Amino acid sequence: MTSEVKSMENSGGLGWGSSLPVPSVQELARNDSQCVPERYIQKLEDRPLHFETSQVSDEIPVINLSKLAIGDEDESRNFDFACKEWGFFQVTDHGVSDKVLHTMKAVVESFFELPLVEKKVYAMAHNDFQGYGQGYVVSDDQKLDWNDLLFLITSPLMYKNMKHWPNTLTGFREAVELYSTELQKVGDEIFAKMSVLMGMEKESLKDIHGVMKLGIRMNYYPSCAKPDLVLGVSPHSDASSLTLLLQDDETTGLQIKHRGIWVPVKPIPNALVVNIGDAMEVLSNGVYKSVEHRAVTNQKKSRISIATFFIPEDELEIGPLDTMVDEDHRPRMYKNVKYIDYLRYTLGRKMEGKNHIDILKLDNE
């Protein structure tokens, strides 16, 4: 048994860090739909002002994963462009059935429909990001995001903490486990194609990651009477290697920062949104960039989203891979660091755009 697992058993947590408990946003909105408490009102420069956004959503790459999987040359070029120039793209024909996607959304909605007293049974424990609550709350005076979440590790088995899995909802566990299994296949295919683009064998990236964890963050964004004053999720990049997001099919909430402008990611029904994480930016020596993104709220409708994170083994030392370093044309740009140390660093701070990864850059010394 690893020391990590022993630590989790003894403390009731993963040992990654903790997030302070805060009131349920869903309950705040339910009790007074017209009130936005001061702690949720963002500073003027951080508000989602309309003039900051671009209408180039149609330019965000869309990759047909079934074509990519069989080696279609045009799709491979599109995939390479998407990874290098956007760091965000949508995938269609990914092999996950509509039924699996719709069932997953339904059980997530069912969880957030539970009375607060029942949801609190699954609240985050000390030193554990698994459970119900909010993430990245590190001080009593920081501005809060307009969302509630449920975060679960779904694999491998030894990291699943079943006390945070709702056991009163029929079909919840089965739906989440099936969804996790199906998304693992999608992630494996994407890692395989990235490996080849990075000059390695197709299994290399997956092997490098060691005992990879899958974590699923289920988000609930209540409607907000003053959406221009709040953020559903503050700007950030993901600390993981890869994220697959299932969006609400009808309501746009996700925005990415592309060339300094916020771009809405309009949902494509039953597509998955893919984004590069910080760990992959480091492994690729900056060829693939993790991208700053945020979520905005809606005045009339609540919204859910489901983000699945592919998380490297805690003890993995991440740094630029040899195939991505060329001392004449692309010298090493990032330090080597144990992944768990970087993860703890990011989870111990509020979301701050791309600021977290700056500590890994060699020119930061």
Protein backbone atom coordinates (compact mmCIF):
# COMPACT_ATOMS: atom_id res chain seq x y z
CA MET A 1 0.00 0.00 0.00
CA THR A 2 1.45 3.37 -0.99
CA SER A 3 2.00 6.18 1.51
CA GLU A 4 -0.49 8.21 -0.52
CA VAL A 5 -3.26 5.71 0.07
CA LYS A 6 -2.38 5.43 3.76
CA SER A 7 -2.55 9.21 4.03
CA MET A 8 -5.96 9.25 2.39
CA GLU A 9 -7.28 6.59 4.74
CA ASN A 10 -5.90 8.26 7.85
CA SER A 11 -6.99 11.83 7.07
CA GLY A 12 -10.13 11.19 5.06
CA GLY A 13 -8.63 13.06 2.11
CA LEU A 14 -6.31 12.88 -0.87
CA GLY A 15 -3.74 15.13 0.73
CA TRP A 16 -3.93 17.62 -2.12
CA GLY A 17 -5.20 20.52 -0.01
CA SER A 18 -8.58 21.82 1.05
CA SER A 19 -11.20 24.43 0.21
CA LEU A 20 -13.00 26.45 2.86
CA PRO A 21 -16.74 25.72 3.28
CA VAL A 22 -19.04 28.48 2.01
CA PRO A 23 -22.83 28.83 1.61
CA SER A 24 -24.60 27.03 -1.22
CA VAL A 25 -25.13 29.43 -4.13
CA GLN A 26 -28.08 27.36 -5.26
CA GLU A 27 -29.79 27.98 -1.91
CA LEU A 28 -28.94 31.71 -1.96
CA ALA A 29 -30.57 32.04 -5.37
CA ARG A 30 -33.54 29.91 -4.34
CA ASN A 31 -34.22 31.94 -1.18
CA ASP A 32 -33.90 35.36 -2.84
CA SER A 33 -33.60 35.28 -6.63
CA GLN A 34 -33.02 39.04 -6.91
CA CYS A 35 -30.20 39.35 -4.38
CA VAL A 36 -26.51 39.01 -5.22
CA PRO A 37 -24.47 39.12 -2.01
CA GLU A 38 -21.48 41.45 -2.00
CA ARG A 39 -18.97 38.62 -1.78
CA TYR A 40 -20.04 37.36 -5.21
CA ILE A 41 -19.85 40.75 -6.95
CA GLN A 42 -16.56 40.81 -8.85
CA LYS A 43 -14.23 43.76 -9.01
CA LEU A 44 -14.99 45.98 -12.00
CA GLU A 45 -11.97 44.77 -13.98
CA ASP A 46 -12.94 41.11 -13.43
CA ARG A 47 -16.59 41.32 -14.48
CA PRO A 48 -17.73 39.58 -17.70
CA LEU A 49 -18.30 42.77 -19.67
CA HIS A 50 -19.86 42.24 -23.08
CA PHE A 51 -17.38 44.38 -24.99
CA GLU A 52 -14.58 41.96 -24.04
CA THR A 53 -16.09 39.04 -25.92
CA SER A 54 -15.55 38.03 -29.53
CA GLN A 55 -17.97 36.41 -31.93
CA VAL A 56 -15.45 33.96 -33.42
CA SER A 57 -16.96 30.86 -31.80
CA ASP A 58 -17.35 29.33 -35.25
CA GLU A 59 -13.55 29.35 -35.60
CA ILE A 60 -12.94 27.11 -32.57
CA PRO A 61 -11.71 23.83 -34.12
CA VAL A 62 -14.04 20.84 -34.31
CA ILE A 63 -12.34 17.45 -34.61
CA ASN A 64 -14.03 14.29 -35.87
CA LEU A 65 -12.47 11.75 -33.52
CA SER A 66 -13.46 8.70 -35.56
CA LYS A 67 -11.61 10.11 -38.59
CA LEU A 68 -8.65 11.04 -36.43
CA ALA A 69 -8.54 7.53 -34.98
CA ILE A 70 -8.18 5.90 -38.41
CA GLY A 71 -5.36 8.24 -39.40
CA ASP A 72 -7.19 10.64 -41.71
CA GLU A 73 -4.48 13.09 -42.81
CA ASP A 74 -6.70 16.18 -42.99
CA GLU A 75 -8.11 15.47 -39.53
CA SER A 76 -4.60 14.89 -38.15
CA ARG A 77 -3.53 18.30 -39.46
CA ASN A 78 -6.63 19.88 -37.94
CA PHE A 79 -5.86 18.20 -34.62
CA ASP A 80 -2.25 19.43 -34.66
CA PHE A 81 -3.45 22.97 -35.42
CA ALA A 82 -6.07 22.80 -32.66
CA CYS A 83 -3.52 21.70 -30.05
CA LYS A 84 -0.91 24.29 -31.05
CA GLU A 85 -2.99 27.35 -31.91
CA TRP A 86 -6.06 27.02 -29.67
CA GLY A 87 -5.48 24.52 -26.88
CA PHE A 88 -9.28 24.14 -26.93
CA PHE A 89 -11.41 22.23 -29.43
CA GLN A 90 -14.63 20.24 -29.65
CA VAL A 91 -14.76 16.57 -30.65
CA THR A 92 -17.63 14.87 -32.42
CA ASP A 93 -18.08 11.20 -33.40
CA HIS A 94 -16.19 10.33 -30.23
CA GLY A 95 -17.88 6.98 -29.64
CA VAL A 96 -19.75 7.85 -26.44
CA SER A 97 -23.43 7.17 -27.02
CA ASP A 98 -26.06 9.87 -26.70
CA LYS A 99 -27.76 7.72 -24.07
CA VAL A 100 -24.65 7.67 -21.85
CA LEU A 101 -24.28 11.46 -22.18
CA HIS A 102 -27.94 12.20 -21.47
CA THR A 103 -28.07 9.78 -18.53
CA MET A 104 -24.99 11.40 -17.02
CA LYS A 105 -26.57 14.85 -17.28
CA ALA A 106 -29.79 13.54 -15.77
CA VAL A 107 -28.14 12.06 -12.66
CA VAL A 108 -26.11 15.23 -12.12
CA GLU A 109 -29.28 17.32 -12.31
CA SER A 110 -30.95 14.89 -9.89
CA PHE A 111 -28.16 15.36 -7.38
CA PHE A 112 -28.48 19.14 -7.38
CA GLU A 113 -32.26 18.83 -7.04
CA LEU A 114 -31.81 17.10 -3.66
CA PRO A 115 -32.62 19.12 -0.52
CA LEU A 116 -29.59 20.94 0.87
CA VAL A 117 -29.58 18.80 4.01
CA GLU A 118 -29.12 15.70 1.83
CA LYS A 119 -26.40 17.24 -0.34
CA LYS A 120 -24.48 18.26 2.78
CA VAL A 121 -24.12 14.58 3.67
CA TYR A 122 -21.58 14.47 0.82
CA ALA A 123 -19.75 17.69 1.73
CA MET A 124 -16.01 17.97 1.18
CA ALA A 125 -13.99 16.69 4.11
CA HIS A 126 -10.88 18.31 5.53
CA ASN A 127 -7.91 17.92 3.17
CA ASP A 128 -10.02 16.49 0.37
CA PHE A 129 -11.39 18.08 -2.78
CA GLN A 130 -13.77 15.18 -3.28
CA GLY A 131 -17.34 15.94 -2.33
CA TYR A 132 -19.94 18.70 -2.46
CA GLY A 133 -19.07 22.36 -1.99
CA GLN A 134 -16.90 24.90 -3.80
CA GLY A 135 -13.28 24.71 -4.90
CA TYR A 136 -10.33 27.07 -4.58
CA VAL A 137 -11.76 28.97 -1.61
CA VAL A 138 -8.60 29.75 0.34
CA SER A 139 -9.52 32.86 2.37
CA ASP A 140 -12.54 34.37 4.09
CA ASP A 141 -12.39 37.58 2.07
CA GLN A 142 -11.87 36.44 -1.53
CA LYS A 143 -14.61 36.89 -4.12
CA LEU A 144 -16.66 33.73 -4.66
CA ASP A 145 -17.87 32.05 -7.85
CA TRP A 146 -21.57 31.65 -8.64
CA ASN A 147 -21.64 27.86 -8.63
CA ASP A 148 -21.84 24.74 -6.49
CA LEU A 149 -20.01 21.55 -7.38
CA LEU A 150 -19.62 17.86 -6.68
CA PHE A 151 -16.11 16.49 -7.33
CA LEU A 152 -15.39 12.76 -7.43
CA ILE A 153 -12.36 10.66 -8.30
CA THR A 154 -13.76 7.88 -10.47
CA SER A 155 -10.59 5.88 -11.11
CA PRO A 156 -8.44 4.11 -10.15
CA LEU A 157 -10.40 2.22 -7.52
CA MET A 158 -7.95 2.86 -4.67
CA TYR A 159 -8.57 6.64 -4.87
CA LYS A 160 -12.37 6.53 -4.98
CA ASN A 161 -13.88 7.76 -1.72
CA MET A 162 -17.38 6.29 -1.75
CA LYS A 163 -18.61 8.35 1.20
CA HIS A 164 -18.93 11.26 -1.24
CA TRP A 165 -20.94 9.27 -3.79
CA PRO A 166 -24.70 9.86 -3.40
CA ASN A 167 -26.31 6.55 -2.46
CA THR A 168 -29.95 7.68 -2.41
CA LEU A 169 -30.16 8.42 -6.13
CA THR A 170 -31.15 5.43 -8.22
CA GLY A 171 -28.64 4.84 -11.00
CA PHE A 172 -26.21 7.61 -9.99
CA ARG A 173 -23.21 5.39 -9.34
CA GLU A 174 -23.78 3.25 -12.41
CA ALA A 175 -24.19 6.29 -14.68
CA VAL A 176 -21.05 8.02 -13.40
CA GLU A 177 -18.93 4.87 -13.62
CA LEU A 178 -20.08 4.10 -17.17
CA TYR A 179 -19.52 7.71 -18.24
CA SER A 180 -16.04 7.63 -16.69
CA THR A 181 -15.19 4.40 -18.51
CA GLU A 182 -16.34 5.81 -21.85
CA LEU A 183 -14.43 9.06 -21.42
CA GLN A 184 -11.30 7.13 -20.49
CA LYS A 185 -11.44 5.63 -24.01
CA VAL A 186 -11.78 9.08 -25.57
CA GLY A 187 -8.87 10.38 -23.51
CA ASP A 188 -6.73 7.39 -24.46
CA GLU A 189 -7.32 8.10 -28.15
CA ILE A 190 -6.41 11.76 -27.77
CA PHE A 191 -3.26 10.94 -25.80
CA ALA A 192 -2.28 8.39 -28.48
CA LYS A 193 -2.57 10.95 -31.28
CA MET A 194 -0.70 13.57 -29.23
CA SER A 195 2.08 11.05 -28.61
CA VAL A 196 2.59 10.57 -32.34
CA LEU A 197 2.57 14.33 -32.98
CA MET A 198 5.19 14.69 -30.24
CA GLY A 199 7.50 12.21 -31.95
CA MET A 200 6.81 9.19 -29.73
CA GLU A 201 5.05 5.84 -29.86
CA LYS A 202 1.28 6.10 -29.46
CA GLU A 203 1.23 4.61 -25.94
CA SER A 204 4.08 6.80 -24.67
CA LEU A 205 2.09 9.67 -23.15
CA LYS A 206 -0.26 7.37 -21.32
CA ASP A 207 2.66 5.34 -19.99
CA ILE A 208 4.52 8.48 -18.90
CA HIS A 209 1.55 9.56 -16.78
CA GLY A 210 1.81 6.44 -14.61
CA VAL A 211 -1.26 5.60 -12.53
CA MET A 212 -3.46 8.32 -13.98
CA LYS A 213 -6.48 9.53 -12.03
CA LEU A 214 -9.81 10.57 -13.51
CA GLY A 215 -11.61 13.27 -11.57
CA ILE A 216 -15.09 14.52 -12.50
CA ARG A 217 -16.26 17.98 -11.45
CA MET A 218 -20.05 18.35 -11.74
CA ASN A 219 -20.99 22.04 -11.81
CA TYR A 220 -24.31 23.70 -11.08
CA TYR A 221 -24.69 27.36 -12.08
CA PRO A 222 -27.93 28.89 -10.75
CA SER A 223 -29.55 31.66 -12.76
CA CYS A 224 -28.43 35.08 -11.54
CA ALA A 225 -30.41 38.31 -11.48
CA LYS A 226 -27.26 40.31 -12.27
CA PRO A 227 -25.06 38.11 -14.45
CA ASP A 228 -22.80 40.99 -15.49
CA LEU A 229 -21.58 41.30 -11.89
CA VAL A 230 -20.60 37.69 -11.18
CA LEU A 231 -18.61 34.80 -12.61
CA GLY A 232 -19.68 31.17 -12.66
CA VAL A 233 -16.01 30.16 -12.55
CA SER A 234 -13.12 32.62 -12.34
CA PRO A 235 -10.47 32.69 -15.09
CA HIS A 236 -7.99 29.83 -14.77
CA SER A 237 -6.13 27.12 -16.60
CA ASP A 238 -6.43 23.49 -15.55
CA ALA A 239 -3.58 21.88 -13.61
CA SER A 240 -4.32 18.50 -15.19
CA SER A 241 -2.96 17.16 -18.49
CA LEU A 242 -6.26 17.05 -20.32
CA THR A 243 -9.88 18.02 -19.63
CA LEU A 244 -13.01 16.75 -21.38
CA LEU A 245 -16.12 18.86 -20.80
CA LEU A 246 -19.76 17.97 -21.39
CA GLN A 247 -21.69 21.22 -21.81
CA ASP A 248 -25.34 22.14 -21.54
CA ASP A 249 -26.63 21.79 -25.10
CA GLU A 250 -28.76 24.93 -25.02
CA THR A 251 -27.02 27.55 -22.88
CA THR A 252 -23.56 28.98 -23.59
CA GLY A 253 -21.52 29.61 -20.46
CA LEU A 254 -17.92 28.62 -21.21
CA GLN A 255 -15.55 31.26 -22.56
CA ILE A 256 -11.89 30.87 -23.53
CA LYS A 257 -9.23 33.55 -23.85
CA HIS A 258 -7.85 33.55 -27.38
CA ARG A 259 -5.39 36.24 -28.44
CA GLY A 260 -6.44 38.37 -25.49
CA ILE A 261 -10.18 38.25 -26.21
CA TRP A 262 -12.86 36.15 -24.49
CA VAL A 263 -14.50 33.78 -26.97
CA PRO A 264 -17.80 31.98 -26.13
CA VAL A 265 -17.72 28.22 -26.77
CA LYS A 266 -21.12 27.58 -28.31
CA PRO A 267 -22.33 24.06 -27.51
CA ILE A 268 -22.51 21.44 -30.23
CA PRO A 269 -25.11 18.89 -29.08
CA ASN A 270 -23.47 15.73 -27.74
CA ALA A 271 -19.94 16.97 -28.52
CA LEU A 272 -17.18 17.04 -25.92
CA VAL A 273 -15.00 20.09 -25.37
CA VAL A 274 -11.30 19.25 -24.98
CA ASN A 275 -8.70 21.51 -23.44
CA ILE A 276 -4.99 21.21 -22.79
CA GLY A 277 -3.91 21.43 -19.15
CA ASP A 278 -0.83 22.86 -17.46
CA ALA A 279 0.89 19.47 -17.15
CA MET A 280 0.65 18.93 -20.90
CA GLU A 281 1.97 22.44 -21.58
CA VAL A 282 5.06 21.56 -19.53
CA LEU A 283 5.50 18.10 -21.09
CA SER A 284 5.24 19.60 -24.59
CA ASN A 285 7.74 22.36 -23.71
CA GLY A 286 5.10 24.98 -24.46
CA VAL A 287 4.21 23.72 -27.95
CA TYR A 288 0.71 22.99 -26.62
CA LYS A 289 -0.62 25.73 -24.37
CA SER A 290 -3.05 25.35 -21.50
CA VAL A 291 -5.68 27.99 -22.10
CA GLU A 292 -7.25 30.47 -19.70
CA HIS A 293 -11.01 29.99 -19.50
CA ARG A 294 -13.98 31.00 -17.36
CA ALA A 295 -17.72 30.47 -17.04
CA VAL A 296 -20.38 33.17 -17.07
CA THR A 297 -23.91 32.96 -15.71
CA ASN A 298 -27.36 33.38 -17.19
CA GLN A 299 -30.22 35.60 -16.00
CA LYS A 300 -33.02 33.23 -16.91
CA LYS A 301 -31.68 29.67 -16.77
CA SER A 302 -29.59 27.53 -14.50
CA ARG A 303 -26.93 25.43 -16.18
CA ILE A 304 -24.86 22.33 -15.50
CA SER A 305 -21.52 21.24 -16.93
CA ILE A 306 -19.42 18.14 -16.32
CA ALA A 307 -15.62 18.38 -16.51
CA THR A 308 -13.47 15.24 -16.51
CA PHE A 309 -9.80 15.76 -15.64
CA PHE A 310 -6.97 13.40 -16.62
CA ILE A 311 -4.55 13.79 -13.73
CA PRO A 312 -0.93 12.51 -13.74
CA GLU A 313 0.37 10.24 -11.02
CA ASP A 314 1.24 12.29 -7.93
CA GLU A 315 4.90 11.25 -7.87
CA LEU A 316 5.46 11.85 -11.59
CA GLU A 317 8.17 14.42 -12.28
CA ILE A 318 6.84 16.59 -15.08
CA GLY A 319 9.19 18.49 -17.34
CA PRO A 320 9.74 18.99 -21.09
CA LEU A 321 10.01 15.67 -22.92
CA ASP A 322 13.20 15.08 -24.89
CA THR A 323 11.35 14.94 -28.21
CA MET A 324 10.01 18.47 -27.59
CA VAL A 325 13.37 20.10 -26.81
CA ASP A 326 15.71 21.49 -29.46
CA GLU A 327 18.53 23.53 -27.95
CA ASP A 328 18.98 25.48 -31.19
CA HIS A 329 15.34 26.22 -32.02
CA ARG A 330 13.27 25.39 -28.94
CA PRO A 331 15.36 25.23 -25.78
CA ARG A 332 13.96 23.89 -22.52
CA MET A 333 11.38 26.42 -21.20
CA TYR A 334 10.15 24.76 -17.99
CA LYS A 335 11.63 23.32 -14.81
CA ASN A 336 11.15 19.74 -13.71
CA VAL A 337 8.79 19.42 -10.74
CA LYS A 338 7.00 16.61 -8.94
CA TYR A 339 3.37 16.82 -10.07
CA ILE A 340 1.88 16.61 -6.56
CA ASP A 341 3.93 19.65 -5.54
CA TYR A 342 2.51 21.68 -8.42
CA LEU A 343 -1.02 20.43 -7.76
CA ARG A 344 -0.83 21.42 -4.09
CA TYR A 345 0.52 24.83 -5.11
CA THR A 346 -2.44 25.48 -7.45
CA LEU A 347 -5.08 24.13 -5.06
CA GLY A 348 -3.72 26.29 -2.26
CA ARG A 349 -4.49 29.46 -4.20
CA LYS A 350 -7.53 31.08 -5.73
CA MET A 351 -8.00 30.86 -9.48
CA GLU A 352 -5.81 33.49 -11.10
CA GLY A 353 -5.81 33.04 -14.86
CA LYS A 354 -2.51 31.59 -16.05
CA ASN A 355 -0.49 32.84 -13.08
CA HIS A 356 0.02 29.43 -11.46
CA ILE A 357 2.10 27.93 -14.27
CA ASP A 358 4.49 30.89 -14.28
CA ILE A 359 6.42 29.38 -11.36
CA LEU A 360 7.44 26.50 -13.63
CA LYS A 361 8.99 28.69 -16.32
CA LEU A 362 12.77 28.83 -16.34
CA ASP A 363 12.80 32.58 -16.95
CA ASN A 364 10.99 33.02 -13.61
CA GLU A 365 14.16 32.37 -11.64
